[in-house]
């Protein structure tokens, strides 16, 4: 059974089993070129003129635009806000949005909070 415009996937047919799909992929995976993820740079021109630039806009660009949208919404709702960027993408957020929103980078904020919590409740 195959899919086409004239032969939509019939409800009565059995879907490809997960094991079969895994075996099929394993048998050809050595032939498929691997793609490393694009770096976190934004091209100067939108939309991207190359595959790599398009991937950069599709990953880093969309990520930053969604954060920018949320920050504008928070600013409109709450006025001046202080933003701390934390975690693995904090440097990217600060690099591209830091001046626009006065973002402070605190990549280990979670661990600093856990450390403070432990000190407070352990009697140190």
N, C-alpha and C. Protein backbone atom coordinates (compact mmCIF):
# COMPACT_ATOMS: atom_id res chain seq x y z
N UNK A 1 0.85 -1.17 0.00
CA UNK A 1 0.00 0.00 0.00
C UNK A 1 0.89 1.24 0.00
N UNK A 2 0.60 2.21 -0.80
CA UNK A 2 1.36 3.44 -0.84
C UNK A 2 0.41 4.63 -0.80
N UNK A 3 0.97 5.79 -0.50
CA UNK A 3 0.17 6.99 -0.41
C UNK A 3 0.30 7.79 -1.69
N UNK A 4 -0.78 8.35 -2.14
CA UNK A 4 -0.75 9.25 -3.29
C UNK A 4 -1.98 10.14 -3.21
N UNK A 5 -2.06 11.06 -4.13
CA UNK A 5 -3.22 11.94 -4.18
C UNK A 5 -4.50 11.14 -4.42
N UNK A 6 -4.39 10.07 -5.21
CA UNK A 6 -5.55 9.28 -5.59
C UNK A 6 -5.80 8.12 -4.63
N UNK A 7 -4.85 7.85 -3.76
CA UNK A 7 -4.99 6.73 -2.84
C UNK A 7 -4.64 7.20 -1.44
N UNK A 8 -5.55 7.94 -0.80
CA UNK A 8 -5.26 8.40 0.56
C UNK A 8 -5.11 7.22 1.50
N UNK A 9 -4.42 7.44 2.57
CA UNK A 9 -4.16 6.39 3.54
C UNK A 9 -5.47 5.83 4.07
N UNK A 10 -5.79 4.60 3.76
CA UNK A 10 -7.06 4.02 4.21
C UNK A 10 -7.01 3.70 5.70
N UNK A 11 -8.12 3.95 6.38
CA UNK A 11 -8.17 3.71 7.82
C UNK A 11 -7.99 2.26 8.18
N UNK A 12 -8.34 1.37 7.27
CA UNK A 12 -8.29 -0.06 7.59
C UNK A 12 -6.89 -0.64 7.44
N UNK A 13 -5.98 0.05 6.77
CA UNK A 13 -4.66 -0.53 6.58
C UNK A 13 -3.82 -0.36 7.84
N UNK A 14 -2.84 -1.19 7.99
CA UNK A 14 -2.02 -1.22 9.19
C UNK A 14 -0.83 -0.28 9.02
N UNK A 15 -0.57 0.61 9.98
CA UNK A 15 0.57 1.51 9.86
C UNK A 15 1.89 0.75 9.98
N UNK A 16 2.94 1.34 9.47
CA UNK A 16 4.27 0.72 9.56
C UNK A 16 4.63 0.56 11.03
N UNK A 17 5.05 -0.58 11.39
CA UNK A 17 5.42 -0.86 12.77
C UNK A 17 6.72 -0.13 13.12
N UNK A 18 6.82 0.28 14.36
CA UNK A 18 7.99 1.01 14.84
C UNK A 18 9.27 0.21 14.63
N UNK A 19 9.23 -1.10 14.93
CA UNK A 19 10.41 -1.95 14.77
C UNK A 19 10.83 -2.01 13.31
N UNK A 20 9.88 -2.15 12.41
CA UNK A 20 10.19 -2.20 10.98
C UNK A 20 10.84 -0.91 10.52
N UNK A 21 10.30 0.21 10.98
CA UNK A 21 10.85 1.50 10.61
C UNK A 21 12.28 1.65 11.15
N UNK A 22 12.49 1.22 12.39
CA UNK A 22 13.82 1.29 12.99
C UNK A 22 14.82 0.44 12.21
N UNK A 23 14.41 -0.75 11.84
CA UNK A 23 15.29 -1.63 11.07
C UNK A 23 15.61 -1.03 9.71
N UNK A 24 14.60 -0.44 9.08
CA UNK A 24 14.83 0.17 7.77
C UNK A 24 15.81 1.35 7.89
N UNK A 25 15.63 2.18 8.89
CA UNK A 25 16.54 3.30 9.09
C UNK A 25 17.95 2.82 9.42
N UNK A 26 18.05 1.79 10.26
CA UNK A 26 19.37 1.27 10.63
C UNK A 26 20.11 0.73 9.41
N UNK A 27 19.38 0.17 8.47
CA UNK A 27 20.03 -0.42 7.30
C UNK A 27 20.58 0.62 6.32
N UNK A 28 20.07 1.86 6.39
CA UNK A 28 20.56 2.89 5.46
C UNK A 28 21.21 4.08 6.16
N UNK A 29 21.21 4.11 7.48
CA UNK A 29 21.68 5.31 8.19
C UNK A 29 23.14 5.64 7.88
N UNK A 30 23.97 4.64 7.61
CA UNK A 30 25.37 4.91 7.29
C UNK A 30 25.52 5.62 5.95
N UNK A 31 24.49 5.61 5.11
CA UNK A 31 24.53 6.27 3.81
C UNK A 31 24.02 7.71 3.85
N UNK A 32 23.35 8.07 4.94
CA UNK A 32 22.74 9.40 5.04
C UNK A 32 23.76 10.38 5.59
N UNK A 33 24.00 11.49 4.90
CA UNK A 33 24.97 12.46 5.44
C UNK A 33 24.44 13.09 6.73
N UNK A 34 25.33 13.29 7.66
CA UNK A 34 24.89 13.90 8.91
C UNK A 34 25.01 15.42 8.80
N UNK A 35 24.10 16.10 9.42
CA UNK A 35 24.11 17.55 9.46
C UNK A 35 24.33 17.98 10.90
N UNK A 36 25.34 18.78 11.10
CA UNK A 36 25.50 19.32 12.44
C UNK A 36 24.58 20.52 12.58
N UNK A 37 24.12 20.81 13.79
CA UNK A 37 23.22 21.94 13.95
C UNK A 37 23.91 23.24 13.59
N UNK A 38 23.17 24.20 13.07
CA UNK A 38 23.79 25.47 12.72
C UNK A 38 24.24 26.21 13.97
N UNK A 39 25.25 27.04 13.81
CA UNK A 39 25.68 27.85 14.94
C UNK A 39 24.59 28.85 15.28
N UNK A 40 24.79 29.59 16.35
CA UNK A 40 23.74 30.49 16.82
C UNK A 40 23.96 31.91 16.33
N UNK A 41 24.36 32.04 15.09
CA UNK A 41 24.54 33.36 14.48
C UNK A 41 23.31 33.71 13.67
N UNK A 42 23.00 34.99 13.62
CA UNK A 42 21.90 35.44 12.77
C UNK A 42 22.50 36.09 11.53
N UNK A 43 22.09 35.66 10.36
CA UNK A 43 22.58 36.30 9.14
C UNK A 43 22.11 37.75 9.07
N UNK A 44 22.85 38.57 8.37
CA UNK A 44 22.50 39.98 8.28
C UNK A 44 21.31 40.23 7.34
N UNK A 45 21.03 39.27 6.45
CA UNK A 45 19.95 39.43 5.48
C UNK A 45 18.87 38.38 5.74
N UNK A 46 17.62 38.85 5.75
CA UNK A 46 16.49 37.94 5.89
C UNK A 46 15.66 38.00 4.63
N UNK A 47 15.16 36.93 4.09
CA UNK A 47 15.36 35.55 4.51
C UNK A 47 16.73 35.06 4.08
N UNK A 48 17.12 33.92 4.60
CA UNK A 48 18.43 33.37 4.29
C UNK A 48 18.57 33.04 2.82
N UNK A 49 19.72 33.35 2.26
CA UNK A 49 19.96 33.07 0.85
C UNK A 49 20.58 31.71 0.60
N UNK A 50 21.02 31.05 1.67
CA UNK A 50 21.60 29.72 1.56
C UNK A 50 20.86 28.80 2.52
N UNK A 51 21.10 27.52 2.39
CA UNK A 51 20.48 26.56 3.29
C UNK A 51 20.90 26.84 4.72
N UNK A 52 22.20 27.09 4.93
CA UNK A 52 22.69 27.34 6.28
C UNK A 52 22.06 28.61 6.87
N UNK A 53 21.99 29.68 6.08
CA UNK A 53 21.36 30.91 6.58
C UNK A 53 19.88 30.70 6.88
N UNK A 54 19.21 29.93 6.07
CA UNK A 54 17.80 29.63 6.32
C UNK A 54 17.64 28.82 7.60
N UNK A 55 18.53 27.87 7.84
CA UNK A 55 18.49 27.11 9.08
C UNK A 55 18.76 28.01 10.28
N UNK A 56 19.68 28.95 10.12
CA UNK A 56 19.97 29.88 11.22
C UNK A 56 18.74 30.72 11.54
N UNK A 57 18.07 31.23 10.51
CA UNK A 57 16.86 32.01 10.76
C UNK A 57 15.76 31.13 11.35
N UNK A 58 15.68 29.90 10.90
CA UNK A 58 14.63 29.00 11.37
C UNK A 58 14.85 28.51 12.79
N UNK A 59 16.07 28.50 13.27
CA UNK A 59 16.33 28.05 14.64
C UNK A 59 16.57 29.24 15.55
N UNK A 60 17.69 29.88 15.41
CA UNK A 60 18.04 31.00 16.28
C UNK A 60 17.10 32.18 16.09
N UNK A 61 16.78 32.51 14.85
CA UNK A 61 15.91 33.66 14.59
C UNK A 61 14.53 33.52 15.19
N UNK A 62 13.91 32.37 15.00
CA UNK A 62 12.57 32.15 15.54
C UNK A 62 12.61 32.11 17.07
N UNK A 63 13.65 31.49 17.62
CA UNK A 63 13.84 31.45 19.08
C UNK A 63 13.90 32.86 19.65
N UNK A 64 14.74 33.72 19.06
CA UNK A 64 14.89 35.08 19.56
C UNK A 64 13.64 35.93 19.33
N UNK A 65 12.99 35.75 18.20
CA UNK A 65 11.77 36.53 17.93
C UNK A 65 10.66 36.18 18.91
N UNK A 66 10.56 34.91 19.29
CA UNK A 66 9.53 34.55 20.26
C UNK A 66 9.85 35.13 21.63
N UNK A 67 11.11 35.13 22.02
CA UNK A 67 11.49 35.74 23.30
C UNK A 67 11.25 37.25 23.25
N UNK A 68 11.61 37.89 22.15
CA UNK A 68 11.38 39.33 22.00
C UNK A 68 9.89 39.65 22.14
N UNK A 69 9.05 38.85 21.52
CA UNK A 69 7.60 39.06 21.60
C UNK A 69 7.10 38.96 23.04
N UNK A 70 7.55 37.95 23.77
CA UNK A 70 7.15 37.81 25.17
C UNK A 70 7.65 38.98 26.00
N UNK A 71 8.88 39.42 25.76
CA UNK A 71 9.43 40.53 26.54
C UNK A 71 8.67 41.82 26.27
N UNK A 72 8.29 42.07 25.03
CA UNK A 72 7.45 43.25 24.74
C UNK A 72 6.10 43.15 25.47
N UNK A 73 5.52 41.97 25.46
CA UNK A 73 4.24 41.78 26.14
C UNK A 73 4.38 42.04 27.64
N UNK A 74 5.42 41.51 28.25
CA UNK A 74 5.64 41.75 29.68
C UNK A 74 5.89 43.23 29.94
N UNK A 75 6.69 43.85 29.09
CA UNK A 75 6.98 45.28 29.28
C UNK A 75 5.71 46.10 29.17
N UNK A 76 4.86 45.78 28.20
CA UNK A 76 3.59 46.51 28.04
C UNK A 76 2.67 46.31 29.24
N UNK A 77 2.71 45.12 29.82
CA UNK A 77 1.84 44.81 30.94
C UNK A 77 2.36 45.34 32.28
N UNK A 78 3.67 45.17 32.51
CA UNK A 78 4.23 45.46 33.83
C UNK A 78 5.17 46.67 33.86
N UNK A 79 5.38 47.34 32.74
CA UNK A 79 6.30 48.48 32.71
C UNK A 79 7.74 48.02 32.68
N UNK A 80 8.60 48.78 33.34
CA UNK A 80 10.01 48.40 33.38
C UNK A 80 10.19 47.05 34.04
N UNK A 81 10.96 46.20 33.41
CA UNK A 81 11.19 44.87 33.97
C UNK A 81 12.69 44.60 33.98
N UNK A 82 13.10 43.77 34.90
CA UNK A 82 14.48 43.28 34.94
C UNK A 82 14.45 41.85 34.43
N UNK A 83 15.30 41.57 33.46
CA UNK A 83 15.31 40.24 32.84
C UNK A 83 16.66 39.60 33.10
N UNK A 84 16.62 38.37 33.59
CA UNK A 84 17.82 37.57 33.76
C UNK A 84 17.76 36.43 32.76
N UNK A 85 18.79 36.29 31.95
CA UNK A 85 18.88 35.16 31.03
C UNK A 85 19.70 34.09 31.71
N UNK A 86 19.19 32.88 31.71
CA UNK A 86 19.86 31.78 32.38
C UNK A 86 19.83 30.55 31.49
N UNK A 87 20.73 29.65 31.72
CA UNK A 87 20.74 28.39 30.98
C UNK A 87 21.64 28.43 29.76
N UNK A 88 21.52 27.39 28.95
CA UNK A 88 22.42 27.17 27.83
C UNK A 88 22.38 28.21 26.73
N UNK A 89 21.27 28.88 26.54
CA UNK A 89 21.16 29.88 25.48
C UNK A 89 21.23 31.31 26.00
N UNK A 90 21.64 31.47 27.25
CA UNK A 90 21.65 32.81 27.84
C UNK A 90 22.59 33.76 27.10
N UNK A 91 23.72 33.26 26.63
CA UNK A 91 24.65 34.14 25.92
C UNK A 91 24.08 34.62 24.59
N UNK A 92 23.32 33.76 23.92
CA UNK A 92 22.70 34.14 22.65
C UNK A 92 21.63 35.21 22.89
N UNK A 93 20.81 35.00 23.91
CA UNK A 93 19.76 35.97 24.25
C UNK A 93 20.38 37.31 24.59
N UNK A 94 21.43 37.30 25.39
CA UNK A 94 22.10 38.56 25.77
C UNK A 94 22.76 39.23 24.57
N UNK A 95 23.37 38.44 23.71
CA UNK A 95 24.06 39.00 22.55
C UNK A 95 23.10 39.74 21.63
N UNK A 96 21.93 39.18 21.39
CA UNK A 96 21.01 39.77 20.41
C UNK A 96 19.90 40.64 21.01
N UNK A 97 19.56 40.42 22.26
CA UNK A 97 18.45 41.17 22.86
C UNK A 97 18.87 41.96 24.10
N UNK A 98 20.10 41.80 24.53
CA UNK A 98 20.56 42.39 25.79
C UNK A 98 20.43 43.88 25.88
N UNK A 99 20.83 44.60 24.86
CA UNK A 99 20.74 46.07 24.91
C UNK A 99 19.30 46.56 24.79
N UNK A 100 18.52 45.89 23.99
CA UNK A 100 17.13 46.28 23.78
C UNK A 100 16.30 46.15 25.06
N UNK A 101 16.63 45.16 25.89
CA UNK A 101 15.84 44.89 27.10
C UNK A 101 16.65 44.93 28.39
N UNK A 102 17.89 45.38 28.35
CA UNK A 102 18.75 45.40 29.54
C UNK A 102 18.75 44.04 30.23
N UNK A 103 19.08 43.02 29.48
CA UNK A 103 19.09 41.65 30.00
C UNK A 103 20.42 41.39 30.69
N UNK A 104 20.34 40.79 31.86
CA UNK A 104 21.54 40.39 32.60
C UNK A 104 21.72 38.89 32.47
N UNK A 105 22.92 38.48 32.16
CA UNK A 105 23.18 37.05 32.00
C UNK A 105 23.56 36.44 33.34
N UNK A 106 22.85 35.39 33.71
CA UNK A 106 23.14 34.62 34.91
C UNK A 106 23.00 33.15 34.53
N UNK A 107 24.01 32.58 33.83
CA UNK A 107 23.88 31.23 33.28
C UNK A 107 23.68 30.14 34.34
N UNK A 108 24.09 30.40 35.57
CA UNK A 108 23.97 29.37 36.61
C UNK A 108 22.99 29.79 37.71
N UNK A 109 21.97 30.53 37.35
CA UNK A 109 21.01 31.05 38.32
C UNK A 109 20.34 29.94 39.12
N UNK A 110 19.97 28.86 38.47
CA UNK A 110 19.33 27.75 39.15
C UNK A 110 20.26 27.19 40.23
N UNK A 111 21.52 26.98 39.88
CA UNK A 111 22.46 26.41 40.84
C UNK A 111 22.76 27.40 41.97
N UNK A 112 22.80 28.67 41.65
CA UNK A 112 23.01 29.68 42.69
C UNK A 112 21.82 29.67 43.66
N UNK A 113 20.62 29.54 43.13
CA UNK A 113 19.44 29.47 43.99
C UNK A 113 19.42 28.22 44.85
N UNK A 114 19.78 27.08 44.26
CA UNK A 114 19.84 25.84 45.04
C UNK A 114 20.89 25.93 46.14
N UNK A 115 22.04 26.54 45.82
CA UNK A 115 23.10 26.72 46.81
C UNK A 115 22.61 27.60 47.96
N UNK A 116 21.95 28.70 47.64
CA UNK A 116 21.41 29.58 48.67
C UNK A 116 20.37 28.86 49.52
N UNK A 117 19.54 28.06 48.89
CA UNK A 117 18.52 27.29 49.60
C UNK A 117 19.17 26.32 50.58
N UNK A 118 20.20 25.61 50.11
CA UNK A 118 20.88 24.64 50.96
C UNK A 118 21.55 25.34 52.15
N UNK A 119 22.20 26.48 51.88
CA UNK A 119 22.85 27.21 52.97
C UNK A 119 21.84 27.65 54.02
N UNK A 120 20.70 28.12 53.55
CA UNK A 120 19.69 28.63 54.48
C UNK A 120 19.14 27.54 55.37
N UNK A 121 18.90 26.37 54.79
CA UNK A 121 18.25 25.31 55.55
C UNK A 121 19.21 24.28 56.14
N UNK A 122 20.49 24.42 55.87
CA UNK A 122 21.45 23.50 56.47
C UNK A 122 22.14 24.12 57.68
N UNK A 123 21.87 25.38 57.95
CA UNK A 123 22.43 26.05 59.12
C UNK A 123 23.79 26.66 58.90
N UNK A 124 24.27 26.70 57.67
CA UNK A 124 25.59 27.32 57.40
C UNK A 124 25.52 28.81 57.48
